[in-house]
Amino acid sequence: MDASRDIMESAKPPKPPRPGTSGRSPEEVDGARSVNPLLWTITACAVAAAVFTGITAWETHQDRANTELIYCSFYSGDQLQQEGEERTLTDYEKRLVDQLGCD
């Protein structure tokens, strides 16, 4: 028995290629169409993550700068003099002033 006789062939003629495919196979066109929305979604998520990371970093920087300003103002010479008496810094306060780089 010949193997070619076992293969059933379709009675329908093959479909002509779609216009605008520029010679690409239908599988390539369908693959390109399905990848495009996925790439846009990945790109949009990456941009959104970068924006939110940048905003978070900026807010954290601003909070630390404000906290440093508050602590340095609190431990500056003007705040240490209360009602005419001189107040000295404890060891912890001196280390904190040194770590913050207060003048």
PDB file of N, CA and C in Angstrom:
ATOM      1  N   MET A   1       0.835  -1.164   0.000  1.00  0.00           N
ATOM      2  CA  MET A   1       0.000   0.000   0.000  1.00  0.00           C
ATOM      3  C   MET A   1       0.887   1.236   0.000  1.00  0.00           C
ATOM      4  N   ASP A   2       0.567   2.185  -0.817  1.00  0.00           N
ATOM      5  CA  ASP A   2       1.345   3.407  -0.972  1.00  0.00           C
ATOM      6  C   ASP A   2       0.910   4.420   0.095  1.00  0.00           C
ATOM      7  N   ALA A   3       1.872   5.075   0.749  1.00  0.00           N
ATOM      8  CA  ALA A   3       1.566   6.031   1.815  1.00  0.00           C
ATOM      9  C   ALA A   3       0.880   7.267   1.279  1.00  0.00           C
ATOM     10  N   SER A   4       1.121   7.635   0.048  1.00  0.00           N
ATOM     11  CA  SER A   4       0.510   8.838  -0.500  1.00  0.00           C
ATOM     12  C   SER A   4      -0.992   8.686  -0.650  1.00  0.00           C
ATOM     13  N   ARG A   5      -1.500   7.459  -0.772  1.00  0.00           N
ATOM     14  CA  ARG A   5      -2.947   7.253  -0.889  1.00  0.00           C
ATOM     15  C   ARG A   5      -3.647   7.405   0.459  1.00  0.00           C
ATOM     16  N   ASP A   6      -2.914   7.225   1.557  1.00  0.00           N
ATOM     17  CA  ASP A   6      -3.520   7.346   2.875  1.00  0.00           C
ATOM     18  C   ASP A   6      -3.760   8.803   3.277  1.00  0.00           C
ATOM     19  N   ILE A   7      -3.068   9.731   2.668  1.00  0.00           N
ATOM     20  CA  ILE A   7      -3.196  11.138   3.022  1.00  0.00           C
ATOM     21  C   ILE A   7      -4.439  11.699   2.365  1.00  0.00           C
ATOM     22  N   MET A   8      -5.300  12.283   3.190  1.00  0.00           N
ATOM     23  CA  MET A   8      -6.518  12.894   2.649  1.00  0.00           C
ATOM     24  C   MET A   8      -6.213  14.342   2.319  1.00  0.00           C
ATOM     25  N   GLU A   9      -6.531  14.733   1.147  1.00  0.00           N
ATOM     26  CA  GLU A   9      -6.296  16.098   0.738  1.00  0.00           C
ATOM     27  C   GLU A   9      -7.597  16.864   0.769  1.00  0.00           C
ATOM     28  N   SER A  10      -7.504  18.171   1.024  1.00  0.00           N
ATOM     29  CA  SER A  10      -8.674  19.020   1.085  1.00  0.00           C
ATOM     30  C   SER A  10      -9.167  19.306  -0.315  1.00  0.00           C
ATOM     31  N   ALA A  11     -10.471  19.416  -0.453  1.00  0.00           N
ATOM     32  CA  ALA A  11     -11.063  19.742  -1.738  1.00  0.00           C
ATOM     33  C   ALA A  11     -11.046  21.239  -1.972  1.00  0.00           C
ATOM     34  N   LYS A  12     -10.830  22.013  -0.898  1.00  0.00           N
ATOM     35  CA  LYS A  12     -10.823  23.476  -1.048  1.00  0.00           C
ATOM     36  C   LYS A  12      -9.459  23.941  -1.536  1.00  0.00           C
ATOM     37  N   PRO A  13      -9.451  24.964  -2.397  1.00  0.00           N
ATOM     38  CA  PRO A  13      -8.159  25.515  -2.820  1.00  0.00           C
ATOM     39  C   PRO A  13      -7.550  26.339  -1.686  1.00  0.00           C
ATOM     40  N   PRO A  14      -6.232  26.527  -1.667  1.00  0.00           N
ATOM     41  CA  PRO A  14      -5.606  27.319  -0.608  1.00  0.00           C
ATOM     42  C   PRO A  14      -6.045  28.775  -0.695  1.00  0.00           C
ATOM     43  N   LYS A  15      -6.114  29.415   0.462  1.00  0.00           N
ATOM     44  CA  LYS A  15      -6.513  30.824   0.512  1.00  0.00           C
ATOM     45  C   LYS A  15      -5.370  31.686  -0.007  1.00  0.00           C
ATOM     46  N   PRO A  16      -5.714  32.750  -0.747  1.00  0.00           N
ATOM     47  CA  PRO A  16      -4.656  33.662  -1.201  1.00  0.00           C
ATOM     48  C   PRO A  16      -4.142  34.479  -0.008  1.00  0.00           C
ATOM     49  N   PRO A  17      -2.912  34.956  -0.095  1.00  0.00           N
ATOM     50  CA  PRO A  17      -2.375  35.752   1.016  1.00  0.00           C
ATOM     51  C   PRO A  17      -3.152  37.055   1.172  1.00  0.00           C
ATOM     52  N   ARG A  18      -3.207  37.533   2.410  1.00  0.00           N
ATOM     53  CA  ARG A  18      -3.896  38.794   2.693  1.00  0.00           C
ATOM     54  C   ARG A  18      -3.099  39.955   2.125  1.00  0.00           C
ATOM     55  N   PRO A  19      -3.797  40.997   1.676  1.00  0.00           N
ATOM     56  CA  PRO A  19      -3.056  42.161   1.166  1.00  0.00           C
ATOM     57  C   PRO A  19      -2.367  42.889   2.317  1.00  0.00           C
ATOM     58  N   GLY A  20      -1.211  43.419   2.045  1.00  0.00           N
ATOM     59  CA  GLY A  20      -0.473  44.180   3.052  1.00  0.00           C
ATOM     60  C   GLY A  20       0.429  43.348   3.921  1.00  0.00           C
ATOM     61  N   THR A  21       0.562  42.079   3.661  1.00  0.00           N
ATOM     62  CA  THR A  21       1.433  41.246   4.487  1.00  0.00           C
ATOM     63  C   THR A  21       2.866  41.279   3.988  1.00  0.00           C
ATOM     64  N   SER A  22       3.090  41.864   2.834  1.00  0.00           N
ATOM     65  CA  SER A  22       4.419  42.035   2.240  1.00  0.00           C
ATOM     66  C   SER A  22       5.182  40.720   2.141  1.00  0.00           C
ATOM     67  N   GLY A  23       4.491  39.682   1.763  1.00  0.00           N
ATOM     68  CA  GLY A  23       5.148  38.412   1.525  1.00  0.00           C
ATOM     69  C   GLY A  23       5.386  37.571   2.761  1.00  0.00           C
ATOM     70  N   ARG A  24       4.921  38.008   3.922  1.00  0.00           N
ATOM     71  CA  ARG A  24       5.109  37.229   5.139  1.00  0.00           C
ATOM     72  C   ARG A  24       4.000  36.189   5.244  1.00  0.00           C
ATOM     73  N   SER A  25       4.310  35.128   5.925  1.00  0.00           N
ATOM     74  CA  SER A  25       3.313  34.074   6.102  1.00  0.00           C
ATOM     75  C   SER A  25       2.263  34.527   7.111  1.00  0.00           C
ATOM     76  N   PRO A  26       1.062  33.953   7.074  1.00  0.00           N
ATOM     77  CA  PRO A  26       0.028  34.339   8.041  1.00  0.00           C
ATOM     78  C   PRO A  26       0.441  34.104   9.484  1.00  0.00           C
ATOM     79  N   GLU A  27       1.268  33.096   9.735  1.00  0.00           N
ATOM     80  CA  GLU A  27       1.728  32.853  11.098  1.00  0.00           C
ATOM     81  C   GLU A  27       2.614  33.994  11.603  1.00  0.00           C
ATOM     82  N   GLU A  28       3.456  34.524  10.712  1.00  0.00           N
ATOM     83  CA  GLU A  28       4.316  35.643  11.100  1.00  0.00           C
ATOM     84  C   GLU A  28       3.496  36.886  11.388  1.00  0.00           C
ATOM     85  N   VAL A  29       2.468  37.129  10.581  1.00  0.00           N
ATOM     86  CA  VAL A  29       1.627  38.308  10.783  1.00  0.00           C
ATOM     87  C   VAL A  29       0.857  38.180  12.085  1.00  0.00           C
ATOM     88  N   ASP A  30       0.260  37.003  12.344  1.00  0.00           N
ATOM     89  CA  ASP A  30      -0.481  36.802  13.581  1.00  0.00           C
ATOM     90  C   ASP A  30       0.433  36.898  14.793  1.00  0.00           C
ATOM     91  N   GLY A  31       1.651  36.393  14.679  1.00  0.00           N
ATOM     92  CA  GLY A  31       2.609  36.480  15.780  1.00  0.00           C
ATOM     93  C   GLY A  31       2.992  37.915  16.069  1.00  0.00           C
ATOM     94  N   ALA A  32       3.187  38.711  15.021  1.00  0.00           N
ATOM     95  CA  ALA A  32       3.544  40.113  15.212  1.00  0.00           C
ATOM     96  C   ALA A  32       2.392  40.885  15.837  1.00  0.00           C
ATOM     97  N   ARG A  33       1.177  40.551  15.469  1.00  0.00           N
ATOM     98  CA  ARG A  33       0.020  41.237  16.046  1.00  0.00           C
ATOM     99  C   ARG A  33      -0.168  40.884  17.512  1.00  0.00           C
ATOM    100  N   SER A  34       0.120  39.654  17.889  1.00  0.00           N
ATOM    101  CA  SER A  34      -0.072  39.261  19.279  1.00  0.00           C
ATOM    102  C   SER A  34       1.055  39.773  20.168  1.00  0.00           C
ATOM    103  N   VAL A  35       2.244  39.977  19.643  1.00  0.00           N
ATOM    104  CA  VAL A  35       3.374  40.457  20.438  1.00  0.00           C
ATOM    105  C   VAL A  35       3.270  41.964  20.669  1.00  0.00           C
ATOM    106  N   ASN A  36       2.745  42.698  19.724  1.00  0.00           N
ATOM    107  CA  ASN A  36       2.698  44.144  19.830  1.00  0.00           C
ATOM    108  C   ASN A  36       1.950  44.619  21.079  1.00  0.00           C
ATOM    109  N   PRO A  37       0.741  44.147  21.388  1.00  0.00           N
ATOM    110  CA  PRO A  37       0.096  44.600  22.629  1.00  0.00           C
ATOM    111  C   PRO A  37       0.862  44.173  23.880  1.00  0.00           C
ATOM    112  N   LEU A  38       1.483  43.027  23.835  1.00  0.00           N
ATOM    113  CA  LEU A  38       2.274  42.578  24.978  1.00  0.00           C
ATOM    114  C   LEU A  38       3.469  43.503  25.204  1.00  0.00           C
ATOM    115  N   LEU A  39       4.134  43.893  24.133  1.00  0.00           N
ATOM    116  CA  LEU A  39       5.270  44.815  24.270  1.00  0.00           C
ATOM    117  C   LEU A  39       4.817  46.167  24.801  1.00  0.00           C
ATOM    118  N   TRP A  40       3.673  46.647  24.337  1.00  0.00           N
ATOM    119  CA  TRP A  40       3.154  47.927  24.834  1.00  0.00           C
ATOM    120  C   TRP A  40       2.812  47.827  26.315  1.00  0.00           C
ATOM    121  N   THR A  41       2.245  46.718  26.731  1.00  0.00           N
ATOM    122  CA  THR A  41       1.901  46.538  28.133  1.00  0.00           C
ATOM    123  C   THR A  41       3.156  46.486  29.002  1.00  0.00           C
ATOM    124  N   ILE A  42       4.154  45.742  28.563  1.00  0.00           N
ATOM    125  CA  ILE A  42       5.409  45.655  29.313  1.00  0.00           C
ATOM    126  C   ILE A  42       6.085  47.017  29.387  1.00  0.00           C
ATOM    127  N   THR A  43       6.091  47.737  28.282  1.00  0.00           N
ATOM    128  CA  THR A  43       6.707  49.068  28.259  1.00  0.00           C
ATOM    129  C   THR A  43       5.976  50.025  29.188  1.00  0.00           C
ATOM    130  N   ALA A  44       4.645  50.000  29.146  1.00  0.00           N
ATOM    131  CA  ALA A  44       3.866  50.887  30.013  1.00  0.00           C
ATOM    132  C   ALA A  44       4.109  50.562  31.487  1.00  0.00           C
ATOM    133  N   CYS A  45       4.181  49.291  31.820  1.00  0.00           N
ATOM    134  CA  CYS A  45       4.443  48.897  33.211  1.00  0.00           C
ATOM    135  C   CYS A  45       5.841  49.326  33.647  1.00  0.00           C
ATOM    136  N   ALA A  46       6.814  49.192  32.768  1.00  0.00           N
ATOM    137  CA  ALA A  46       8.183  49.592  33.110  1.00  0.00           C
ATOM    138  C   ALA A  46       8.272  51.102  33.326  1.00  0.00           C
ATOM    139  N   VAL A  47       7.609  51.867  32.474  1.00  0.00           N
ATOM    140  CA  VAL A  47       7.621  53.327  32.625  1.00  0.00           C
ATOM    141  C   VAL A  47       6.916  53.729  33.917  1.00  0.00           C
ATOM    142  N   ALA A  48       5.759  53.114  34.195  1.00  0.00           N
ATOM    143  CA  ALA A  48       5.029  53.430  35.425  1.00  0.00           C
ATOM    144  C   ALA A  48       5.869  53.095  36.657  1.00  0.00           C
ATOM    145  N   ALA A  49       6.545  51.952  36.648  1.00  0.00           N
ATOM    146  CA  ALA A  49       7.399  51.578  37.777  1.00  0.00           C
ATOM    147  C   ALA A  49       8.543  52.568  37.951  1.00  0.00           C
ATOM    148  N   ALA A  50       9.136  53.016  36.844  1.00  0.00           N
ATOM    149  CA  ALA A  50      10.228  53.988  36.924  1.00  0.00           C
ATOM    150  C   ALA A  50       9.739  55.325  37.488  1.00  0.00           C
ATOM    151  N   VAL A  51       8.564  55.755  37.048  1.00  0.00           N
ATOM    152  CA  VAL A  51       8.010  57.026  37.539  1.00  0.00           C
ATOM    153  C   VAL A  51       7.718  56.936  39.034  1.00  0.00           C
ATOM    154  N   PHE A  52       7.054  55.870  39.464  1.00  0.00           N
ATOM    155  CA  PHE A  52       6.735  55.727  40.873  1.00  0.00           C
ATOM    156  C   PHE A  52       7.989  55.578  41.724  1.00  0.00           C
ATOM    157  N   THR A  53       9.011  54.915  41.213  1.00  0.00           N
ATOM    158  CA  THR A  53      10.273  54.795  41.943  1.00  0.00           C
ATOM    159  C   THR A  53      10.937  56.155  42.082  1.00  0.00           C
ATOM    160  N   GLY A  54      10.912  56.931  41.018  1.00  0.00           N
ATOM    161  CA  GLY A  54      11.487  58.278  41.070  1.00  0.00           C
ATOM    162  C   GLY A  54      10.766  59.174  42.051  1.00  0.00           C
ATOM    163  N   ILE A  55       9.431  59.108  42.039  1.00  0.00           N
ATOM    164  CA  ILE A  55       8.648  59.923  42.973  1.00  0.00           C
ATOM    165  C   ILE A  55       8.942  59.506  44.410  1.00  0.00           C
ATOM    166  N   THR A  56       9.011  58.220  44.657  1.00  0.00           N
ATOM    167  CA  THR A  56       9.304  57.729  46.005  1.00  0.00           C
ATOM    168  C   THR A  56      10.697  58.165  46.461  1.00  0.00           C
ATOM    169  N   ALA A  57      11.667  58.076  45.573  1.00  0.00           N
ATOM    170  CA  ALA A  57      13.028  58.499  45.920  1.00  0.00           C
ATOM    171  C   ALA A  57      13.070  59.989  46.234  1.00  0.00           C
ATOM    172  N   TRP A  58      12.368  60.786  45.441  1.00  0.00           N
ATOM    173  CA  TRP A  58      12.361  62.232  45.667  1.00  0.00           C
ATOM    174  C   TRP A  58      11.689  62.568  46.997  1.00  0.00           C
ATOM    175  N   GLU A  59      10.557  61.943  47.287  1.00  0.00           N
ATOM    176  CA  GLU A  59       9.861  62.191  48.552  1.00  0.00           C
ATOM    177  C   GLU A  59      10.711  61.755  49.747  1.00  0.00           C
ATOM    178  N   THR A  60      11.413  60.641  49.623  1.00  0.00           N
ATOM    179  CA  THR A  60      12.287  60.180  50.698  1.00  0.00           C
ATOM    180  C   THR A  60      13.425  61.171  50.912  1.00  0.00           C
ATOM    181  N   HIS A  61      13.998  61.669  49.828  1.00  0.00           N
ATOM    182  CA  HIS A  61      15.073  62.659  49.933  1.00  0.00           C
ATOM    183  C   HIS A  61      14.575  63.928  50.623  1.00  0.00           C
ATOM    184  N   GLN A  62      13.399  64.394  50.235  1.00  0.00           N
ATOM    185  CA  GLN A  62      12.855  65.613  50.833  1.00  0.00           C
ATOM    186  C   GLN A  62      12.575  65.406  52.326  1.00  0.00           C
ATOM    187  N   ASP A  63      12.053  64.243  52.685  1.00  0.00           N
ATOM    188  CA  ASP A  63      11.763  63.961  54.087  1.00  0.00           C
ATOM    189  C   ASP A  63      13.046  63.940  54.909  1.00  0.00           C
ATOM    190  N   ARG A  64      14.084  63.309  54.369  1.00  0.00           N
ATOM    191  CA  ARG A  64      15.362  63.259  55.103  1.00  0.00           C
ATOM    192  C   ARG A  64      15.990  64.642  55.223  1.00  0.00           C
ATOM    193  N   ALA A  65      15.876  65.447  54.174  1.00  0.00           N
ATOM    194  CA  ALA A  65      16.428  66.805  54.240  1.00  0.00           C
ATOM    195  C   ALA A  65      15.680  67.637  55.283  1.00  0.00           C
ATOM    196  N   ASN A  66      14.361  67.502  55.315  1.00  0.00           N
ATOM    197  CA  ASN A  66      13.588  68.246  56.311  1.00  0.00           C
ATOM    198  C   ASN A  66      13.888  67.764  57.724  1.00  0.00           C
ATOM    199  N   THR A  67      14.025  66.456  57.905  1.00  0.00           N
ATOM    200  CA  THR A  67      14.353  65.914  59.225  1.00  0.00           C
ATOM    201  C   THR A  67      15.723  66.403  59.673  1.00  0.00           C
ATOM    202  N   GLU A  68      16.681  66.415  58.770  1.00  0.00           N
ATOM    203  CA  GLU A  68      18.016  66.911  59.106  1.00  0.00           C
ATOM    204  C   GLU A  68      17.956  68.381  59.506  1.00  0.00           C
ATOM    205  N   LEU A  69      17.185  69.167  58.785  1.00  0.00           N
ATOM    206  CA  LEU A  69      17.051  70.586  59.096  1.00  0.00           C
ATOM    207  C   LEU A  69      16.431  70.784  60.478  1.00  0.00           C
ATOM    208  N   ILE A  70      15.420  69.987  60.784  1.00  0.00           N
ATOM    209  CA  ILE A  70      14.763  70.102  62.092  1.00  0.00           C
ATOM    210  C   ILE A  70      15.731  69.739  63.214  1.00  0.00           C
ATOM    211  N   TYR A  71      16.432  68.613  63.070  1.00  0.00           N
ATOM    212  CA  TYR A  71      17.369  68.194  64.126  1.00  0.00           C
ATOM    213  C   TYR A  71      18.516  69.198  64.266  1.00  0.00           C
ATOM    214  N   CYS A  72      19.045  69.665  63.165  1.00  0.00           N
ATOM    215  CA  CYS A  72      20.150  70.631  63.256  1.00  0.00           C
ATOM    216  C   CYS A  72      19.682  71.932  63.892  1.00  0.00           C
ATOM    217  N   SER A  73      18.458  72.350  63.564  1.00  0.00           N
ATOM    218  CA  SER A  73      17.925  73.570  64.182  1.00  0.00           C
ATOM    219  C   SER A  73      17.712  73.371  65.677  1.00  0.00           C
ATOM    220  N   PHE A  74      17.251  72.203  66.049  1.00  0.00           N
ATOM    221  CA  PHE A  74      16.972  71.928  67.456  1.00  0.00           C
ATOM    222  C   PHE A  74      18.260  71.905  68.280  1.00  0.00           C
ATOM    223  N   TYR A  75      19.312  71.343  67.716  1.00  0.00           N
ATOM    224  CA  TYR A  75      20.572  71.223  68.456  1.00  0.00           C
ATOM    225  C   TYR A  75      21.537  72.365  68.172  1.00  0.00           C
ATOM    226  N   SER A  76      21.089  73.404  67.509  1.00  0.00           N
ATOM    227  CA  SER A  76      21.979  74.538  67.246  1.00  0.00           C
ATOM    228  C   SER A  76      22.147  75.363  68.524  1.00  0.00           C
ATOM    229  N   GLY A  77      23.033  76.313  68.482  1.00  0.00           N
ATOM    230  CA  GLY A  77      23.343  77.119  69.660  1.00  0.00           C
ATOM    231  C   GLY A  77      22.173  77.951  70.143  1.00  0.00           C
ATOM    232  N   ASP A  78      21.278  78.386  69.250  1.00  0.00           N
ATOM    233  CA  ASP A  78      20.161  79.231  69.670  1.00  0.00           C
ATOM    234  C   ASP A  78      19.177  78.467  70.554  1.00  0.00           C
ATOM    235  N   GLN A  79      18.949  77.215  70.242  1.00  0.00           N
ATOM    236  CA  GLN A  79      17.995  76.418  71.011  1.00  0.00           C
ATOM    237  C   GLN A  79      18.598  75.929  72.327  1.00  0.00           C
ATOM    238  N   LEU A  80      19.917  75.902  72.410  1.00  0.00           N
ATOM    239  CA  LEU A  80      20.557  75.393  73.627  1.00  0.00           C
ATOM    240  C   LEU A  80      20.491  76.391  74.772  1.00  0.00           C
ATOM    241  N   GLN A  81      20.325  77.646  74.468  1.00  0.00           N
ATOM    242  CA  GLN A  81      20.238  78.653  75.522  1.00  0.00           C
ATOM    243  C   GLN A  81      18.765  78.854  75.868  1.00  0.00           C
ATOM    244  N   GLN A  82      18.368  78.339  76.996  1.00  0.00           N
ATOM    245  CA  GLN A  82      16.981  78.468  77.425  1.00  0.00           C
ATOM    246  C   GLN A  82      16.926  79.386  78.642  1.00  0.00           C
ATOM    247  N   GLU A  83      16.270  80.503  78.477  1.00  0.00           N
ATOM    248  CA  GLU A  83      16.073  81.465  79.559  1.00  0.00           C
ATOM    249  C   GLU A  83      17.381  81.849  80.234  1.00  0.00           C
ATOM    250  N   GLY A  84      18.384  82.123  79.423  1.00  0.00           N
ATOM    251  CA  GLY A  84      19.641  82.632  79.944  1.00  0.00           C
ATOM    252  C   GLY A  84      20.606  81.584  80.450  1.00  0.00           C
ATOM    253  N   GLU A  85      20.232  80.330  80.544  1.00  0.00           N
ATOM    254  CA  GLU A  85      21.159  79.311  81.034  1.00  0.00           C
ATOM    255  C   GLU A  85      21.687  78.496  79.855  1.00  0.00           C
ATOM    256  N   GLU A  86      22.935  78.149  79.917  1.00  0.00           N
ATOM    257  CA  GLU A  86      23.609  77.390  78.860  1.00  0.00           C
ATOM    258  C   GLU A  86      23.360  75.898  79.055  1.00  0.00           C
ATOM    259  N   ARG A  87      22.930  75.227  78.016  1.00  0.00           N
ATOM    260  CA  ARG A  87      22.676  73.792  78.081  1.00  0.00           C
ATOM    261  C   ARG A  87      23.725  73.092  77.233  1.00  0.00           C
ATOM    262  N   THR A  88      24.323  72.054  77.777  1.00  0.00           N
ATOM    263  CA  THR A  88      25.337  71.308  77.030  1.00  0.00           C
ATOM    264  C   THR A  88      24.706  70.077  76.409  1.00  0.00           C
ATOM    265  N   LEU A  89      25.318  69.613  75.330  1.00  0.00           N
ATOM    266  CA  LEU A  89      24.826  68.435  74.621  1.00  0.00           C
ATOM    267  C   LEU A  89      25.314  67.163  75.292  1.00  0.00           C
ATOM    268  N   THR A  90      24.468  66.167  75.325  1.00  0.00           N
ATOM    269  CA  THR A  90      24.881  64.857  75.843  1.00  0.00           C
ATOM    270  C   THR A  90      25.733  64.171  74.772  1.00  0.00           C
ATOM    271  N   ASP A  91      26.323  63.035  75.139  1.00  0.00           N
ATOM    272  CA  ASP A  91      27.146  62.298  74.170  1.00  0.00           C
ATOM    273  C   ASP A  91      26.323  61.864  72.962  1.00  0.00           C
ATOM    274  N   TYR A  92      25.096  61.390  73.222  1.00  0.00           N
ATOM    275  CA  TYR A  92      24.225  60.963  72.127  1.00  0.00           C
ATOM    276  C   TYR A  92      23.920  62.132  71.191  1.00  0.00           C
ATOM    277  N   GLU A  93      23.620  63.275  71.764  1.00  0.00           N
ATOM    278  CA  GLU A  93      23.294  64.451  70.948  1.00  0.00           C
ATOM    279  C   GLU A  93      24.512  64.910  70.146  1.00  0.00           C
ATOM    280  N   LYS A  94      25.700  64.826  70.740  1.00  0.00           N
ATOM    281  CA  LYS A  94      26.919  65.201  70.020  1.00  0.00           C
ATOM    282  C   LYS A  94      27.165  64.271  68.829  1.00  0.00           C
ATOM    283  N   ARG A  95      26.960  62.947  69.041  1.00  0.00           N
ATOM    284  CA  ARG A  95      27.120  61.999  67.926  1.00  0.00           C
ATOM    285  C   ARG A  95      26.100  62.264  66.825  1.00  0.00           C
ATOM    286  N   LEU A  96      24.881  62.575  67.226  1.00  0.00           N
ATOM    287  CA  LEU A  96      23.829  62.863  66.248  1.00  0.00           C
ATOM    288  C   LEU A  96      24.179  64.111  65.427  1.00  0.00           C
ATOM    289  N   VAL A  97      24.655  65.143  66.082  1.00  0.00           N
ATOM    290  CA  VAL A  97      25.047  66.381  65.386  1.00  0.00           C
ATOM    291  C   VAL A  97      26.214  66.086  64.437  1.00  0.00           C
ATOM    292  N   ASP A  98      27.172  65.254  64.863  1.00  0.00           N
ATOM    293  CA  ASP A  98      28.298  64.908  64.002  1.00  0.00           C
ATOM    294  C   ASP A  98      27.841  64.078  62.789  1.00  0.00           C
ATOM    295  N   GLN A  99      26.938  63.129  63.024  1.00  0.00           N
ATOM    296  CA  GLN A  99      26.443  62.297  61.907  1.00  0.00           C
ATOM    297  C   GLN A  99      25.644  63.117  60.896  1.00  0.00           C
ATOM    298  N   LEU A 100      24.887  64.087  61.394  1.00  0.00           N
ATOM    299  CA  LEU A 100      24.092  64.914  60.482  1.00  0.00           C
ATOM    300  C   LEU A 100      24.940  65.966  59.776  1.00  0.00           C
ATOM    301  N   GLY A 101      26.105  66.252  60.315  1.00  0.00           N
ATOM    302  CA  GLY A 101      26.980  67.248  59.702  1.00  0.00           C
ATOM    303  C   GLY A 101      26.535  68.660  59.968  1.00  0.00           C
ATOM    304  N   CYS A 102      25.916  68.860  61.117  1.00  0.00           N
ATOM    305  CA  CYS A 102      25.463  70.214  61.473  1.00  0.00           C
ATOM    306  C   CYS A 102      26.663  71.078  61.817  1.00  0.00           C
ATOM    307  N   ASP A 103      26.568  72.355  61.529  1.00  0.00           N
ATOM    308  CA  ASP A 103      27.675  73.281  61.831  1.00  0.00           C
ATOM    309  C   ASP A 103      27.690  73.694  63.268  1.00  0.00           C
TER     310      ASP A 103
END
